[in-house]
Amino acid sequence: MAKKFTEKGFWGKLSDHAVDAGKDVVLSGLKLYFAAVEKSAPVWVQGVAFAALAYFISPIDAIPDFTPGIGYADDAGVLATAIVSLRAYITAEVSRQAKAKLKNWFS
């Protein structure tokens, strides 16, 4: 994977493509982001979350994002796998932060 996670890249992609990606994909990305930036998050949690988010923001995908109907399917799969792996770190507070941010794009 040529691209690494950057906050600017993550927020830029979400801002530009939130509606196209859909609520579920965006919510997953936000949960991973907020779990990773928690002060108590272990380094391995940050690594898993940021690797999944790097894939999400990367322009090189298994299925290009601009493919109608299925463009974000691979991104959703990667994010969902990371969410399952980090479920113990997706706390109620992380979910609250993610849902509050999601409201900015979809309300």
C-alpha atoms as a PDB file:
ATOM      1  CA  MET A   1       0.000   0.000   0.000  1.00  0.00           C
ATOM      2  CA  ALA A   2       1.636   3.207  -1.193  1.00  0.00           C
ATOM      3  CA  LYS A   3      -0.296   5.646   0.953  1.00  0.00           C
ATOM      4  CA  LYS A   4      -0.054   5.943   4.721  1.00  0.00           C
ATOM      5  CA  PHE A   5      -2.675   7.276   7.091  1.00  0.00           C
ATOM      6  CA  THR A   6      -2.737  11.031   7.563  1.00  0.00           C
ATOM      7  CA  GLU A   7      -5.372  13.024   9.425  1.00  0.00           C
ATOM      8  CA  LYS A   8      -5.569  15.481   6.531  1.00  0.00           C
ATOM      9  CA  GLY A   9      -6.152  12.666   4.046  1.00  0.00           C
ATOM     10  CA  PHE A  10      -8.753  10.996   6.252  1.00  0.00           C
ATOM     11  CA  TRP A  11     -10.788  14.141   6.951  1.00  0.00           C
ATOM     12  CA  GLY A  12     -10.419  15.248   3.332  1.00  0.00           C
ATOM     13  CA  LYS A  13     -11.739  11.964   1.953  1.00  0.00           C
ATOM     14  CA  LEU A  14     -14.634  11.930   4.410  1.00  0.00           C
ATOM     15  CA  SER A  15     -15.514  15.527   3.601  1.00  0.00           C
ATOM     16  CA  ASP A  16     -15.388  14.935  -0.140  1.00  0.00           C
ATOM     17  CA  HIS A  17     -16.935  11.459  -0.298  1.00  0.00           C
ATOM     18  CA  ALA A  18     -19.089  10.936   2.799  1.00  0.00           C
ATOM     19  CA  VAL A  19     -22.363  10.842   0.898  1.00  0.00           C
ATOM     20  CA  ASP A  20     -20.955   8.571  -1.828  1.00  0.00           C
ATOM     21  CA  ALA A  21     -19.413   6.164   0.689  1.00  0.00           C
ATOM     22  CA  GLY A  22     -22.586   5.994   2.771  1.00  0.00           C
ATOM     23  CA  LYS A  23     -23.363   6.250   6.454  1.00  0.00           C
ATOM     24  CA  ASP A  24     -22.169   2.757   7.392  1.00  0.00           C
ATOM     25  CA  VAL A  25     -18.724   3.169   5.821  1.00  0.00           C
ATOM     26  CA  VAL A  26     -18.277   6.657   7.245  1.00  0.00           C
ATOM     27  CA  LEU A  27     -19.425   5.566  10.713  1.00  0.00           C
ATOM     28  CA  SER A  28     -16.958   2.668  10.670  1.00  0.00           C
ATOM     29  CA  GLY A  29     -14.129   4.987   9.685  1.00  0.00           C
ATOM     30  CA  LEU A  30     -15.047   7.457  12.389  1.00  0.00           C
ATOM     31  CA  LYS A  31     -15.209   4.754  15.065  1.00  0.00           C
ATOM     32  CA  LEU A  32     -11.756   3.519  14.092  1.00  0.00           C
ATOM     33  CA  TYR A  33     -10.360   7.033  14.084  1.00  0.00           C
ATOM     34  CA  PHE A  34     -11.778   7.931  17.500  1.00  0.00           C
ATOM     35  CA  ALA A  35     -10.673   4.579  18.986  1.00  0.00           C
ATOM     36  CA  ALA A  36      -7.139   5.118  17.686  1.00  0.00           C
ATOM     37  CA  VAL A  37      -6.752   8.640  19.037  1.00  0.00           C
ATOM     38  CA  GLU A  38      -7.930   7.710  22.542  1.00  0.00           C
ATOM     39  CA  LYS A  39      -5.071   8.387  24.959  1.00  0.00           C
ATOM     40  CA  SER A  40      -5.389   4.883  26.384  1.00  0.00           C
ATOM     41  CA  ALA A  41      -5.256   3.114  22.987  1.00  0.00           C
ATOM     42  CA  PRO A  42      -2.363   0.661  22.794  1.00  0.00           C
ATOM     43  CA  VAL A  43       0.070   1.033  19.905  1.00  0.00           C
ATOM     44  CA  TRP A  44      -1.238  -2.147  18.227  1.00  0.00           C
ATOM     45  CA  VAL A  45      -4.801  -0.747  18.262  1.00  0.00           C
ATOM     46  CA  GLN A  46      -3.556   2.428  16.621  1.00  0.00           C
ATOM     47  CA  GLY A  47      -1.692   0.321  14.060  1.00  0.00           C
ATOM     48  CA  VAL A  48      -4.748  -1.739  13.103  1.00  0.00           C
ATOM     49  CA  ALA A  49      -7.045   1.297  12.984  1.00  0.00           C
ATOM     50  CA  PHE A  50      -4.643   3.494  11.031  1.00  0.00           C
ATOM     51  CA  ALA A  51      -3.816   0.695   8.576  1.00  0.00           C
ATOM     52  CA  ALA A  52      -7.525   0.234   7.811  1.00  0.00           C
ATOM     53  CA  LEU A  53      -7.987   4.000   7.506  1.00  0.00           C
ATOM     54  CA  ALA A  54      -4.933   4.234   5.227  1.00  0.00           C
ATOM     55  CA  TYR A  55      -6.580   1.698   2.923  1.00  0.00           C
ATOM     56  CA  PHE A  56      -9.783   3.741   3.016  1.00  0.00           C
ATOM     57  CA  ILE A  57      -8.042   6.956   1.966  1.00  0.00           C
ATOM     58  CA  SER A  58      -5.723   5.304  -0.538  1.00  0.00           C
ATOM     59  CA  PRO A  59      -6.504   6.011  -4.192  1.00  0.00           C
ATOM     60  CA  ILE A  60      -5.325   2.478  -4.993  1.00  0.00           C
ATOM     61  CA  ASP A  61      -8.149   0.052  -4.110  1.00  0.00           C
ATOM     62  CA  ALA A  62      -9.141  -3.467  -5.041  1.00  0.00           C
ATOM     63  CA  ILE A  63     -12.364  -1.880  -6.348  1.00  0.00           C
ATOM     64  CA  PRO A  64     -11.990   1.760  -7.432  1.00  0.00           C
ATOM     65  CA  ASP A  65     -14.183   4.071  -5.348  1.00  0.00           C
ATOM     66  CA  PHE A  66     -15.729   5.627  -8.443  1.00  0.00           C
ATOM     67  CA  THR A  67     -17.218   2.279  -9.561  1.00  0.00           C
ATOM     68  CA  PRO A  68     -21.003   2.798  -9.350  1.00  0.00           C
ATOM     69  CA  GLY A  69     -22.768   0.740  -6.712  1.00  0.00           C
ATOM     70  CA  ILE A  70     -19.771  -1.206  -5.440  1.00  0.00           C
ATOM     71  CA  GLY A  71     -16.947   1.332  -5.261  1.00  0.00           C
ATOM     72  CA  TYR A  72     -16.737   1.334  -1.492  1.00  0.00           C
ATOM     73  CA  ALA A  73     -17.396  -2.385  -0.924  1.00  0.00           C
ATOM     74  CA  ASP A  74     -13.725  -3.218  -0.405  1.00  0.00           C
ATOM     75  CA  ASP A  75     -13.270  -0.227   1.902  1.00  0.00           C
ATOM     76  CA  ALA A  76     -16.316  -1.330   3.921  1.00  0.00           C
ATOM     77  CA  GLY A  77     -14.876  -4.829   4.252  1.00  0.00           C
ATOM     78  CA  VAL A  78     -11.497  -3.606   5.482  1.00  0.00           C
ATOM     79  CA  LEU A  79     -13.095  -1.180   7.942  1.00  0.00           C
ATOM     80  CA  ALA A  80     -15.546  -3.836   9.217  1.00  0.00           C
ATOM     81  CA  THR A  81     -12.716  -6.318   9.771  1.00  0.00           C
ATOM     82  CA  ALA A  82     -10.789  -3.718  11.770  1.00  0.00           C
ATOM     83  CA  ILE A  83     -13.925  -2.856  13.796  1.00  0.00           C
ATOM     84  CA  VAL A  84     -14.395  -6.529  14.723  1.00  0.00           C
ATOM     85  CA  SER A  85     -10.718  -6.843  15.653  1.00  0.00           C
ATOM     86  CA  LEU A  86     -10.889  -3.767  17.862  1.00  0.00           C
ATOM     87  CA  ARG A  87     -14.394  -4.210  19.280  1.00  0.00           C
ATOM     88  CA  ALA A  88     -13.117  -3.985  22.868  1.00  0.00           C
ATOM     89  CA  TYR A  89     -11.759  -0.518  22.075  1.00  0.00           C
ATOM     90  CA  ILE A  90     -14.923   0.760  20.364  1.00  0.00           C
ATOM     91  CA  THR A  91     -16.321   2.110  23.613  1.00  0.00           C
ATOM     92  CA  ALA A  92     -19.601   3.915  24.188  1.00  0.00           C
ATOM     93  CA  GLU A  93     -17.681   7.213  24.155  1.00  0.00           C
ATOM     94  CA  VAL A  94     -15.968   6.342  20.853  1.00  0.00           C
ATOM     95  CA  SER A  95     -19.368   5.470  19.356  1.00  0.00           C
ATOM     96  CA  ARG A  96     -20.869   8.712  20.686  1.00  0.00           C
ATOM     97  CA  GLN A  97     -18.086  10.794  19.137  1.00  0.00           C
ATOM     98  CA  ALA A  98     -18.418   8.970  15.819  1.00  0.00           C
ATOM     99  CA  LYS A  99     -22.199   9.387  15.699  1.00  0.00           C
ATOM    100  CA  ALA A 100     -21.937  13.075  16.572  1.00  0.00           C
ATOM    101  CA  LYS A 101     -19.445  13.640  13.755  1.00  0.00           C
ATOM    102  CA  LEU A 102     -21.568  11.575  11.355  1.00  0.00           C
ATOM    103  CA  LYS A 103     -24.452  13.948  12.016  1.00  0.00           C
ATOM    104  CA  ASN A 104     -22.357  16.754  10.480  1.00  0.00           C
ATOM    105  CA  TRP A 105     -22.433  15.051   7.078  1.00  0.00           C
ATOM    106  CA  PHE A 106     -25.843  13.405   7.061  1.00  0.00           C
ATOM    107  CA  SER A 107     -28.251  15.671   8.940  1.00  0.00           C
END
